[in-house]
N, C-alpha and C. Protein backbone atom coordinates (compact mmCIF):
# COMPACT_ATOMS: atom_id res chain seq x y z
N MET A 1 -109.93 -96.73 -59.26
CA MET A 1 -108.65 -96.06 -59.43
C MET A 1 -108.39 -95.19 -58.20
N ASN A 2 -107.16 -95.09 -57.80
CA ASN A 2 -106.74 -94.23 -56.70
C ASN A 2 -107.21 -92.80 -56.97
N GLU A 3 -107.78 -92.15 -55.97
CA GLU A 3 -108.36 -90.81 -56.14
C GLU A 3 -107.32 -89.76 -56.54
N THR A 4 -106.13 -89.87 -56.00
CA THR A 4 -105.08 -88.90 -56.35
C THR A 4 -104.66 -89.06 -57.80
N ILE A 5 -104.46 -90.30 -58.22
CA ILE A 5 -104.10 -90.56 -59.63
C ILE A 5 -105.22 -90.07 -60.55
N LYS A 6 -106.46 -90.32 -60.17
CA LYS A 6 -107.60 -89.86 -60.97
C LYS A 6 -107.59 -88.33 -61.09
N ALA A 7 -107.33 -87.62 -59.99
CA ALA A 7 -107.28 -86.14 -60.03
C ALA A 7 -106.18 -85.67 -60.98
N ILE A 8 -105.04 -86.33 -60.95
CA ILE A 8 -103.93 -85.94 -61.84
C ILE A 8 -104.32 -86.18 -63.30
N LEU A 9 -104.90 -87.34 -63.58
CA LEU A 9 -105.24 -87.68 -64.97
C LEU A 9 -106.42 -86.87 -65.51
N ASP A 10 -107.33 -86.46 -64.63
CA ASP A 10 -108.51 -85.71 -65.06
C ASP A 10 -108.28 -84.21 -65.15
N ARG A 11 -107.23 -83.70 -64.55
CA ARG A 11 -107.01 -82.25 -64.49
C ARG A 11 -106.76 -81.66 -65.87
N ARG A 12 -107.38 -80.50 -66.12
CA ARG A 12 -107.18 -79.73 -67.36
C ARG A 12 -106.96 -78.28 -66.98
N SER A 13 -106.30 -77.54 -67.83
CA SER A 13 -106.18 -76.09 -67.65
C SER A 13 -107.48 -75.46 -68.14
N ILE A 14 -108.24 -74.91 -67.22
CA ILE A 14 -109.54 -74.32 -67.55
C ILE A 14 -109.37 -72.81 -67.65
N ARG A 15 -109.92 -72.24 -68.71
CA ARG A 15 -109.74 -70.81 -68.97
C ARG A 15 -111.06 -70.06 -68.99
N ASN A 16 -111.96 -70.46 -68.11
CA ASN A 16 -113.22 -69.75 -67.93
C ASN A 16 -113.86 -70.27 -66.65
N PHE A 17 -114.00 -69.37 -65.69
CA PHE A 17 -114.52 -69.75 -64.38
C PHE A 17 -115.87 -69.11 -64.12
N LYS A 18 -116.69 -69.80 -63.34
CA LYS A 18 -117.98 -69.25 -62.91
C LYS A 18 -117.75 -68.14 -61.90
N ASN A 19 -118.68 -67.21 -61.86
CA ASN A 19 -118.61 -66.09 -60.92
C ASN A 19 -119.18 -66.53 -59.57
N ILE A 20 -118.53 -67.52 -58.96
CA ILE A 20 -118.94 -68.05 -57.66
C ILE A 20 -117.73 -68.00 -56.74
N PRO A 21 -117.83 -67.25 -55.64
CA PRO A 21 -116.69 -67.19 -54.73
C PRO A 21 -116.45 -68.53 -54.04
N LEU A 22 -115.22 -68.77 -53.65
CA LEU A 22 -114.88 -69.95 -52.87
C LEU A 22 -115.18 -69.67 -51.40
N THR A 23 -115.39 -70.73 -50.65
CA THR A 23 -115.66 -70.58 -49.23
C THR A 23 -114.35 -70.34 -48.47
N ASP A 24 -114.47 -69.82 -47.27
CA ASP A 24 -113.28 -69.65 -46.43
C ASP A 24 -112.61 -70.99 -46.16
N GLU A 25 -113.41 -72.03 -46.01
CA GLU A 25 -112.85 -73.37 -45.77
C GLU A 25 -112.03 -73.83 -46.98
N GLN A 26 -112.54 -73.60 -48.18
CA GLN A 26 -111.78 -73.99 -49.38
C GLN A 26 -110.47 -73.21 -49.46
N ILE A 27 -110.54 -71.92 -49.20
CA ILE A 27 -109.33 -71.09 -49.28
C ILE A 27 -108.32 -71.52 -48.21
N GLN A 28 -108.81 -71.85 -47.03
CA GLN A 28 -107.91 -72.33 -45.97
C GLN A 28 -107.27 -73.65 -46.36
N THR A 29 -108.02 -74.50 -47.04
CA THR A 29 -107.44 -75.76 -47.53
C THR A 29 -106.30 -75.48 -48.49
N PHE A 30 -106.49 -74.52 -49.40
CA PHE A 30 -105.41 -74.18 -50.33
C PHE A 30 -104.19 -73.61 -49.59
N ALA A 31 -104.43 -72.85 -48.54
CA ALA A 31 -103.32 -72.34 -47.73
C ALA A 31 -102.53 -73.50 -47.13
N GLN A 32 -103.23 -74.48 -46.60
CA GLN A 32 -102.57 -75.65 -46.01
C GLN A 32 -101.82 -76.45 -47.06
N VAL A 33 -102.43 -76.63 -48.23
CA VAL A 33 -101.79 -77.37 -49.32
C VAL A 33 -100.52 -76.65 -49.77
N ALA A 34 -100.59 -75.33 -49.89
CA ALA A 34 -99.42 -74.56 -50.31
C ALA A 34 -98.28 -74.76 -49.32
N LEU A 35 -98.58 -74.60 -48.05
CA LEU A 35 -97.53 -74.71 -47.03
C LEU A 35 -97.02 -76.13 -46.85
N ALA A 36 -97.76 -77.12 -47.33
CA ALA A 36 -97.32 -78.52 -47.25
C ALA A 36 -96.43 -78.91 -48.43
N SER A 37 -96.20 -78.00 -49.36
CA SER A 37 -95.40 -78.31 -50.55
C SER A 37 -93.96 -78.62 -50.16
N PRO A 38 -93.41 -79.70 -50.72
CA PRO A 38 -92.02 -80.04 -50.42
C PRO A 38 -91.05 -78.97 -50.93
N THR A 39 -89.99 -78.79 -50.20
CA THR A 39 -88.93 -77.86 -50.61
C THR A 39 -87.57 -78.49 -50.32
N GLY A 40 -86.57 -78.04 -51.05
CA GLY A 40 -85.22 -78.54 -50.85
C GLY A 40 -84.74 -78.26 -49.43
N MET A 41 -84.29 -79.30 -48.76
CA MET A 41 -83.79 -79.21 -47.40
C MET A 41 -84.80 -78.58 -46.45
N ASP A 42 -86.08 -78.64 -46.82
CA ASP A 42 -87.19 -78.08 -46.04
C ASP A 42 -86.95 -76.62 -45.67
N ARG A 43 -86.34 -75.86 -46.59
CA ARG A 43 -86.06 -74.45 -46.30
C ARG A 43 -87.28 -73.56 -46.44
N GLN A 44 -88.30 -73.99 -47.19
CA GLN A 44 -89.56 -73.26 -47.32
C GLN A 44 -89.34 -71.78 -47.66
N LEU A 45 -88.62 -71.55 -48.73
CA LEU A 45 -88.25 -70.18 -49.11
C LEU A 45 -89.35 -69.44 -49.86
N TRP A 46 -90.38 -70.17 -50.31
CA TRP A 46 -91.44 -69.53 -51.08
C TRP A 46 -92.32 -68.65 -50.21
N ILE A 47 -93.07 -67.79 -50.88
CA ILE A 47 -94.15 -67.02 -50.25
C ILE A 47 -95.39 -67.23 -51.10
N PHE A 48 -96.55 -67.07 -50.49
CA PHE A 48 -97.82 -67.23 -51.19
C PHE A 48 -98.70 -66.02 -50.89
N ARG A 49 -99.42 -65.59 -51.89
CA ARG A 49 -100.47 -64.58 -51.71
C ARG A 49 -101.74 -65.17 -52.29
N LEU A 50 -102.73 -65.35 -51.43
CA LEU A 50 -104.03 -65.88 -51.85
C LEU A 50 -104.95 -64.68 -52.01
N VAL A 51 -105.29 -64.36 -53.24
CA VAL A 51 -106.01 -63.12 -53.57
C VAL A 51 -107.44 -63.45 -53.99
N THR A 52 -108.39 -62.87 -53.27
CA THR A 52 -109.81 -63.02 -53.62
C THR A 52 -110.44 -61.68 -53.97
N ARG A 53 -109.69 -60.60 -53.83
CA ARG A 53 -110.21 -59.28 -54.20
C ARG A 53 -110.26 -59.18 -55.72
N LEU A 54 -111.46 -59.27 -56.26
CA LEU A 54 -111.63 -59.30 -57.71
C LEU A 54 -111.12 -58.03 -58.38
N ASP A 55 -111.24 -56.87 -57.71
CA ASP A 55 -110.73 -55.63 -58.31
C ASP A 55 -109.21 -55.67 -58.42
N LEU A 56 -108.54 -56.28 -57.45
CA LEU A 56 -107.09 -56.39 -57.50
C LEU A 56 -106.66 -57.40 -58.56
N ILE A 57 -107.36 -58.51 -58.65
CA ILE A 57 -107.06 -59.50 -59.69
C ILE A 57 -107.22 -58.86 -61.08
N GLN A 58 -108.29 -58.08 -61.27
CA GLN A 58 -108.50 -57.44 -62.57
C GLN A 58 -107.45 -56.36 -62.82
N ALA A 59 -107.06 -55.62 -61.79
CA ALA A 59 -106.02 -54.60 -61.95
C ALA A 59 -104.71 -55.24 -62.39
N MET A 60 -104.38 -56.39 -61.81
CA MET A 60 -103.16 -57.10 -62.22
C MET A 60 -103.27 -57.54 -63.68
N SER A 61 -104.43 -58.05 -64.06
CA SER A 61 -104.63 -58.48 -65.43
C SER A 61 -104.51 -57.30 -66.40
N ASP A 62 -105.21 -56.21 -66.08
CA ASP A 62 -105.19 -55.03 -66.94
C ASP A 62 -103.76 -54.50 -67.11
N HIS A 63 -103.03 -54.45 -66.01
CA HIS A 63 -101.66 -53.92 -66.09
C HIS A 63 -100.76 -54.86 -66.91
N ALA A 64 -100.91 -56.17 -66.69
CA ALA A 64 -100.10 -57.12 -67.46
C ALA A 64 -100.38 -56.95 -68.96
N MET A 65 -101.65 -56.81 -69.32
CA MET A 65 -101.99 -56.62 -70.73
C MET A 65 -101.41 -55.32 -71.27
N ASN A 66 -101.42 -54.28 -70.46
CA ASN A 66 -100.81 -53.01 -70.89
C ASN A 66 -99.31 -53.17 -71.10
N VAL A 67 -98.66 -53.94 -70.24
CA VAL A 67 -97.22 -54.18 -70.40
C VAL A 67 -96.95 -54.88 -71.73
N PHE A 68 -97.75 -55.89 -72.06
CA PHE A 68 -97.58 -56.58 -73.34
C PHE A 68 -97.85 -55.64 -74.51
N ARG A 69 -98.90 -54.82 -74.37
CA ARG A 69 -99.25 -53.88 -75.44
C ARG A 69 -98.12 -52.87 -75.66
N GLU A 70 -97.61 -52.30 -74.57
CA GLU A 70 -96.54 -51.30 -74.67
C GLU A 70 -95.25 -51.90 -75.22
N ALA A 71 -95.03 -53.20 -74.99
CA ALA A 71 -93.85 -53.87 -75.53
C ALA A 71 -94.04 -54.25 -76.99
N GLY A 72 -95.23 -54.00 -77.52
CA GLY A 72 -95.50 -54.34 -78.92
C GLY A 72 -95.84 -55.80 -79.13
N ASP A 73 -96.12 -56.53 -78.05
CA ASP A 73 -96.44 -57.95 -78.15
C ASP A 73 -97.94 -58.11 -78.41
N LEU A 74 -98.36 -57.73 -79.60
CA LEU A 74 -99.77 -57.78 -79.95
C LEU A 74 -100.28 -59.20 -80.18
N VAL A 75 -99.38 -60.13 -80.45
CA VAL A 75 -99.80 -61.53 -80.58
C VAL A 75 -100.34 -62.02 -79.24
N THR A 76 -99.63 -61.73 -78.16
CA THR A 76 -100.10 -62.13 -76.83
C THR A 76 -101.38 -61.40 -76.47
N VAL A 77 -101.43 -60.10 -76.74
CA VAL A 77 -102.62 -59.31 -76.43
C VAL A 77 -103.84 -59.87 -77.17
N ASP A 78 -103.70 -60.11 -78.46
CA ASP A 78 -104.83 -60.63 -79.24
C ASP A 78 -105.24 -62.03 -78.79
N ARG A 79 -104.27 -62.86 -78.51
CA ARG A 79 -104.59 -64.23 -78.08
C ARG A 79 -105.33 -64.22 -76.75
N MET A 80 -104.85 -63.41 -75.81
CA MET A 80 -105.50 -63.35 -74.50
C MET A 80 -106.90 -62.75 -74.61
N ARG A 81 -107.05 -61.69 -75.37
CA ARG A 81 -108.37 -61.06 -75.51
C ARG A 81 -109.36 -61.98 -76.20
N SER A 82 -108.88 -62.89 -77.06
CA SER A 82 -109.79 -63.83 -77.71
C SER A 82 -110.27 -64.90 -76.74
N ARG A 83 -109.55 -65.09 -75.66
CA ARG A 83 -109.91 -66.12 -74.68
C ARG A 83 -110.82 -65.58 -73.59
N HIS A 84 -110.48 -64.41 -73.04
CA HIS A 84 -111.21 -63.88 -71.89
C HIS A 84 -110.77 -62.43 -71.67
N LYS A 85 -111.57 -61.67 -70.93
CA LYS A 85 -111.20 -60.28 -70.66
C LYS A 85 -110.12 -60.17 -69.58
N SER A 86 -109.79 -61.27 -68.94
CA SER A 86 -108.77 -61.28 -67.90
C SER A 86 -107.78 -62.40 -68.15
N ILE A 87 -106.51 -62.15 -67.89
CA ILE A 87 -105.52 -63.23 -68.02
C ILE A 87 -105.73 -64.28 -66.94
N PHE A 88 -106.59 -63.99 -65.96
CA PHE A 88 -106.89 -64.94 -64.90
C PHE A 88 -108.27 -65.58 -65.10
N TYR A 89 -108.90 -65.32 -66.23
CA TYR A 89 -110.09 -66.02 -66.71
C TYR A 89 -111.29 -65.95 -65.76
N GLY A 90 -111.38 -64.90 -64.98
CA GLY A 90 -112.53 -64.73 -64.09
C GLY A 90 -112.49 -65.58 -62.84
N ALA A 91 -111.33 -66.11 -62.50
CA ALA A 91 -111.22 -66.97 -61.31
C ALA A 91 -111.46 -66.16 -60.04
N PRO A 92 -112.16 -66.74 -59.07
CA PRO A 92 -112.39 -66.04 -57.81
C PRO A 92 -111.22 -66.13 -56.83
N LEU A 93 -110.24 -66.98 -57.14
CA LEU A 93 -109.05 -67.10 -56.30
C LEU A 93 -107.82 -67.14 -57.19
N LEU A 94 -106.89 -66.28 -56.87
CA LEU A 94 -105.60 -66.26 -57.56
C LEU A 94 -104.53 -66.46 -56.49
N ILE A 95 -103.70 -67.46 -56.69
CA ILE A 95 -102.60 -67.70 -55.76
C ILE A 95 -101.31 -67.37 -56.48
N LEU A 96 -100.56 -66.44 -55.91
CA LEU A 96 -99.27 -66.02 -56.44
C LEU A 96 -98.18 -66.65 -55.60
N ILE A 97 -97.15 -67.14 -56.25
CA ILE A 97 -96.04 -67.78 -55.55
C ILE A 97 -94.77 -67.00 -55.87
N GLY A 98 -94.02 -66.68 -54.84
CA GLY A 98 -92.76 -65.97 -55.02
C GLY A 98 -91.62 -66.75 -54.41
N LEU A 99 -90.43 -66.49 -54.93
CA LEU A 99 -89.20 -67.09 -54.42
C LEU A 99 -88.17 -66.00 -54.19
N PRO A 100 -87.20 -66.26 -53.32
CA PRO A 100 -86.16 -65.25 -53.10
C PRO A 100 -85.49 -64.83 -54.41
N LYS A 101 -85.10 -63.56 -54.47
CA LYS A 101 -84.47 -63.03 -55.68
C LYS A 101 -83.24 -63.84 -56.08
N ASP A 102 -82.54 -64.42 -55.10
CA ASP A 102 -81.32 -65.17 -55.41
C ASP A 102 -81.57 -66.67 -55.57
N ALA A 103 -82.83 -67.08 -55.72
CA ALA A 103 -83.14 -68.51 -55.89
C ALA A 103 -82.50 -69.02 -57.17
N SER A 104 -81.94 -70.20 -57.09
CA SER A 104 -81.22 -70.74 -58.25
C SER A 104 -82.17 -71.35 -59.29
N SER A 105 -83.41 -71.64 -58.90
CA SER A 105 -84.39 -72.17 -59.85
C SER A 105 -85.80 -71.91 -59.32
N ASN A 106 -86.77 -72.16 -60.18
CA ASN A 106 -88.18 -72.04 -59.80
C ASN A 106 -88.78 -73.39 -59.42
N LEU A 107 -87.94 -74.38 -59.19
CA LEU A 107 -88.42 -75.73 -58.92
C LEU A 107 -89.42 -75.78 -57.78
N GLU A 108 -89.13 -75.13 -56.67
CA GLU A 108 -90.02 -75.21 -55.51
C GLU A 108 -91.37 -74.55 -55.79
N ALA A 109 -91.38 -73.50 -56.58
CA ALA A 109 -92.65 -72.88 -56.97
C ALA A 109 -93.43 -73.83 -57.87
N GLY A 110 -92.74 -74.55 -58.74
CA GLY A 110 -93.39 -75.52 -59.61
C GLY A 110 -94.02 -76.66 -58.82
N ILE A 111 -93.32 -77.11 -57.80
CA ILE A 111 -93.87 -78.17 -56.96
C ILE A 111 -95.12 -77.66 -56.25
N ALA A 112 -95.05 -76.45 -55.70
CA ALA A 112 -96.18 -75.89 -54.97
C ALA A 112 -97.38 -75.69 -55.88
N VAL A 113 -97.17 -75.17 -57.07
CA VAL A 113 -98.29 -74.90 -57.97
C VAL A 113 -98.95 -76.21 -58.42
N GLU A 114 -98.17 -77.26 -58.59
CA GLU A 114 -98.76 -78.55 -58.95
C GLU A 114 -99.56 -79.11 -57.79
N ASN A 115 -99.05 -78.98 -56.56
CA ASN A 115 -99.84 -79.38 -55.38
C ASN A 115 -101.21 -78.70 -55.40
N LEU A 116 -101.20 -77.39 -55.66
CA LEU A 116 -102.44 -76.61 -55.67
C LEU A 116 -103.37 -77.05 -56.79
N ALA A 117 -102.82 -77.33 -57.96
CA ALA A 117 -103.63 -77.75 -59.10
C ALA A 117 -104.30 -79.10 -58.83
N ILE A 118 -103.57 -80.03 -58.26
CA ILE A 118 -104.13 -81.34 -57.96
C ILE A 118 -105.17 -81.22 -56.84
N ALA A 119 -104.88 -80.39 -55.85
CA ALA A 119 -105.85 -80.17 -54.77
C ALA A 119 -107.14 -79.60 -55.33
N ALA A 120 -107.04 -78.61 -56.21
CA ALA A 120 -108.24 -78.01 -56.80
C ALA A 120 -109.06 -79.07 -57.52
N GLN A 121 -108.41 -79.88 -58.32
CA GLN A 121 -109.11 -80.93 -59.06
C GLN A 121 -109.80 -81.90 -58.10
N SER A 122 -109.11 -82.27 -57.04
CA SER A 122 -109.69 -83.23 -56.10
C SER A 122 -110.87 -82.65 -55.32
N MET A 123 -110.96 -81.31 -55.27
CA MET A 123 -112.05 -80.63 -54.57
C MET A 123 -113.21 -80.29 -55.49
N GLY A 124 -113.16 -80.75 -56.74
CA GLY A 124 -114.23 -80.44 -57.69
C GLY A 124 -114.11 -79.06 -58.30
N LEU A 125 -112.93 -78.46 -58.17
CA LEU A 125 -112.67 -77.15 -58.73
C LEU A 125 -111.74 -77.28 -59.93
N ALA A 126 -111.52 -76.19 -60.60
CA ALA A 126 -110.64 -76.18 -61.77
C ALA A 126 -109.52 -75.18 -61.53
N SER A 127 -108.49 -75.27 -62.37
CA SER A 127 -107.36 -74.36 -62.22
C SER A 127 -106.69 -74.11 -63.57
N CYS A 128 -105.90 -73.05 -63.58
CA CYS A 128 -105.06 -72.75 -64.73
C CYS A 128 -103.77 -72.13 -64.18
N ILE A 129 -102.66 -72.74 -64.48
CA ILE A 129 -101.35 -72.24 -64.05
C ILE A 129 -100.94 -71.14 -65.02
N ILE A 130 -100.57 -69.98 -64.47
CA ILE A 130 -100.34 -68.79 -65.31
C ILE A 130 -99.01 -68.14 -64.96
N GLY A 131 -98.08 -68.23 -65.88
CA GLY A 131 -96.77 -67.60 -65.69
C GLY A 131 -96.74 -66.16 -66.15
N MET A 132 -97.59 -65.82 -67.12
CA MET A 132 -97.54 -64.48 -67.70
C MET A 132 -97.94 -63.39 -66.71
N ALA A 133 -98.42 -63.78 -65.54
CA ALA A 133 -98.75 -62.79 -64.51
C ALA A 133 -97.51 -62.00 -64.08
N SER A 134 -96.34 -62.50 -64.41
CA SER A 134 -95.11 -61.78 -64.06
C SER A 134 -95.11 -60.37 -64.64
N ALA A 135 -95.79 -60.17 -65.77
CA ALA A 135 -95.84 -58.84 -66.38
C ALA A 135 -96.51 -57.82 -65.47
N ALA A 136 -97.39 -58.27 -64.58
CA ALA A 136 -98.07 -57.35 -63.67
C ALA A 136 -97.11 -56.72 -62.67
N PHE A 137 -95.96 -57.34 -62.48
CA PHE A 137 -94.99 -56.83 -61.51
C PHE A 137 -93.93 -55.96 -62.16
N THR A 138 -94.13 -55.61 -63.42
CA THR A 138 -93.20 -54.74 -64.14
C THR A 138 -93.94 -53.48 -64.55
N GLY A 139 -93.27 -52.63 -65.28
CA GLY A 139 -93.92 -51.43 -65.80
C GLY A 139 -94.24 -50.41 -64.73
N ASP A 140 -95.00 -49.40 -65.13
CA ASP A 140 -95.24 -48.24 -64.27
C ASP A 140 -96.10 -48.52 -63.04
N ARG A 141 -96.88 -49.60 -63.05
CA ARG A 141 -97.72 -49.93 -61.88
C ARG A 141 -97.23 -51.14 -61.11
N GLY A 142 -96.13 -51.74 -61.54
CA GLY A 142 -95.64 -52.96 -60.92
C GLY A 142 -95.41 -52.82 -59.42
N ASP A 143 -94.73 -51.75 -59.02
CA ASP A 143 -94.45 -51.55 -57.59
C ASP A 143 -95.73 -51.29 -56.80
N GLU A 144 -96.66 -50.56 -57.39
CA GLU A 144 -97.93 -50.29 -56.73
C GLU A 144 -98.70 -51.59 -56.47
N LEU A 145 -98.72 -52.48 -57.46
CA LEU A 145 -99.41 -53.75 -57.29
C LEU A 145 -98.70 -54.62 -56.26
N LYS A 146 -97.38 -54.60 -56.26
CA LYS A 146 -96.63 -55.33 -55.23
C LYS A 146 -97.00 -54.83 -53.84
N ASP A 147 -97.11 -53.51 -53.69
CA ASP A 147 -97.50 -52.94 -52.40
C ASP A 147 -98.89 -53.41 -51.99
N MET A 148 -99.81 -53.44 -52.94
CA MET A 148 -101.17 -53.87 -52.64
C MET A 148 -101.22 -55.33 -52.20
N LEU A 149 -100.23 -56.11 -52.62
CA LEU A 149 -100.14 -57.52 -52.27
C LEU A 149 -99.23 -57.77 -51.07
N ASP A 150 -98.70 -56.69 -50.49
CA ASP A 150 -97.73 -56.81 -49.39
C ASP A 150 -96.60 -57.75 -49.80
N TRP A 151 -96.10 -57.52 -51.02
CA TRP A 151 -95.05 -58.37 -51.61
C TRP A 151 -93.69 -57.91 -51.09
N PRO A 152 -92.91 -58.79 -50.47
CA PRO A 152 -91.61 -58.38 -49.94
C PRO A 152 -90.60 -58.12 -51.05
N GLY A 153 -89.76 -57.13 -50.86
CA GLY A 153 -88.73 -56.80 -51.84
C GLY A 153 -87.68 -57.87 -51.99
N THR A 154 -87.66 -58.83 -51.09
CA THR A 154 -86.67 -59.91 -51.13
C THR A 154 -87.06 -61.03 -52.09
N HIS A 155 -88.29 -61.01 -52.60
CA HIS A 155 -88.80 -62.10 -53.42
C HIS A 155 -89.26 -61.61 -54.79
N ASP A 156 -89.07 -62.47 -55.77
CA ASP A 156 -89.59 -62.26 -57.12
C ASP A 156 -90.79 -63.15 -57.35
N PHE A 157 -91.68 -62.71 -58.23
CA PHE A 157 -92.79 -63.55 -58.67
C PHE A 157 -92.23 -64.77 -59.39
N ALA A 158 -92.80 -65.94 -59.12
CA ALA A 158 -92.36 -67.15 -59.81
C ALA A 158 -93.46 -67.71 -60.71
N ILE A 159 -94.67 -67.89 -60.17
CA ILE A 159 -95.76 -68.50 -60.93
C ILE A 159 -97.08 -68.20 -60.21
N SER A 160 -98.17 -68.34 -60.91
CA SER A 160 -99.49 -68.15 -60.28
C SER A 160 -100.43 -69.25 -60.74
N ILE A 161 -101.53 -69.37 -60.00
CA ILE A 161 -102.55 -70.32 -60.38
C ILE A 161 -103.92 -69.71 -60.09
N ALA A 162 -104.77 -69.73 -61.09
CA ALA A 162 -106.15 -69.28 -60.97
C ALA A 162 -107.00 -70.49 -60.63
N ILE A 163 -107.90 -70.33 -59.64
CA ILE A 163 -108.71 -71.45 -59.17
C ILE A 163 -110.16 -71.02 -59.01
N GLY A 164 -111.07 -71.90 -59.40
CA GLY A 164 -112.49 -71.63 -59.23
C GLY A 164 -113.32 -72.76 -59.78
N TYR A 165 -114.63 -72.50 -59.86
CA TYR A 165 -115.55 -73.47 -60.43
C TYR A 165 -115.49 -73.35 -61.94
N PRO A 166 -115.34 -74.47 -62.65
CA PRO A 166 -115.22 -74.39 -64.11
C PRO A 166 -116.51 -73.93 -64.78
N ASN A 167 -116.36 -73.10 -65.79
CA ASN A 167 -117.49 -72.65 -66.59
C ASN A 167 -117.43 -73.29 -67.98
N THR A 168 -116.54 -74.24 -68.13
CA THR A 168 -116.34 -74.93 -69.40
C THR A 168 -115.68 -76.27 -69.11
N THR A 169 -115.65 -77.13 -70.09
CA THR A 169 -114.91 -78.38 -69.97
C THR A 169 -113.91 -78.44 -71.11
N LYS A 170 -113.04 -79.41 -71.02
CA LYS A 170 -111.99 -79.50 -72.03
C LYS A 170 -111.54 -80.95 -72.13
N GLU A 171 -111.33 -81.39 -73.34
CA GLU A 171 -110.80 -82.74 -73.55
C GLU A 171 -109.31 -82.76 -73.22
N ALA A 172 -108.82 -83.92 -72.91
CA ALA A 172 -107.39 -84.08 -72.65
C ALA A 172 -106.61 -83.81 -73.93
N PRO A 173 -105.48 -83.13 -73.81
CA PRO A 173 -104.65 -82.94 -75.00
C PRO A 173 -104.02 -84.27 -75.42
N GLU A 174 -103.52 -84.31 -76.62
CA GLU A 174 -102.85 -85.51 -77.10
C GLU A 174 -101.64 -85.79 -76.21
N ARG A 175 -101.49 -87.01 -75.81
CA ARG A 175 -100.34 -87.44 -75.01
C ARG A 175 -99.29 -88.04 -75.94
N HIS A 176 -98.05 -87.99 -75.55
CA HIS A 176 -96.95 -88.44 -76.39
C HIS A 176 -96.13 -89.52 -75.69
N PRO A 177 -96.61 -90.76 -75.72
CA PRO A 177 -95.89 -91.83 -75.04
C PRO A 177 -94.49 -92.07 -75.59
N GLU A 178 -94.23 -91.62 -76.81
CA GLU A 178 -92.89 -91.80 -77.37
C GLU A 178 -91.83 -90.97 -76.62
N LYS A 179 -92.28 -90.06 -75.78
CA LYS A 179 -91.34 -89.25 -74.99
C LYS A 179 -90.90 -89.98 -73.72
N LEU A 180 -91.50 -91.14 -73.47
CA LEU A 180 -91.12 -91.94 -72.32
C LEU A 180 -90.23 -93.08 -72.75
N LYS A 181 -89.26 -93.38 -71.94
CA LYS A 181 -88.44 -94.56 -72.19
C LYS A 181 -88.14 -95.19 -70.85
N ARG A 182 -88.51 -96.43 -70.74
CA ARG A 182 -88.24 -97.18 -69.51
C ARG A 182 -86.87 -97.82 -69.64
N ILE A 183 -86.06 -97.63 -68.63
CA ILE A 183 -84.71 -98.22 -68.61
C ILE A 183 -84.69 -99.28 -67.52
N ASP A 184 -84.57 -100.54 -67.89
CA ASP A 184 -84.53 -101.63 -66.91
C ASP A 184 -83.12 -102.13 -66.72
């Protein structure tokens, strides 16, 4: 089977990573993959932050959880705490993707995050795409965390992806072929 197709079919959202840092070469590969992501009219409006500072990743997680708690969203708090102590599941690399505030959609961030997820799988790593990280950019510490990430005021958070060595495995979820229709 084609290696790219195999990476796509084998990929799972992993929610528990080993405490093993990635190499500089691996991180540089992710930087190249991110910047190679297709964009409309090749405008490349996205920004990326590749974060390996574990204290910063945990601070973002803690703040996001506090935002959910303060909003009274205890269902999310309880669900996340039952999975892991961090919304980023202990990943040694967190990649944040931002788009201009006036972007008409998150499509380009979605393309980039999928590139990164497939790249991680093909490198023997695991990933989990995480949208709830947006909560870290709100509330009383949101601006402080943006400053720590050198986040430009012209861009909003779009999506993130946690990447690392898997500490668990997961079966493929049920697929729904009835959602496909071929039109000839």
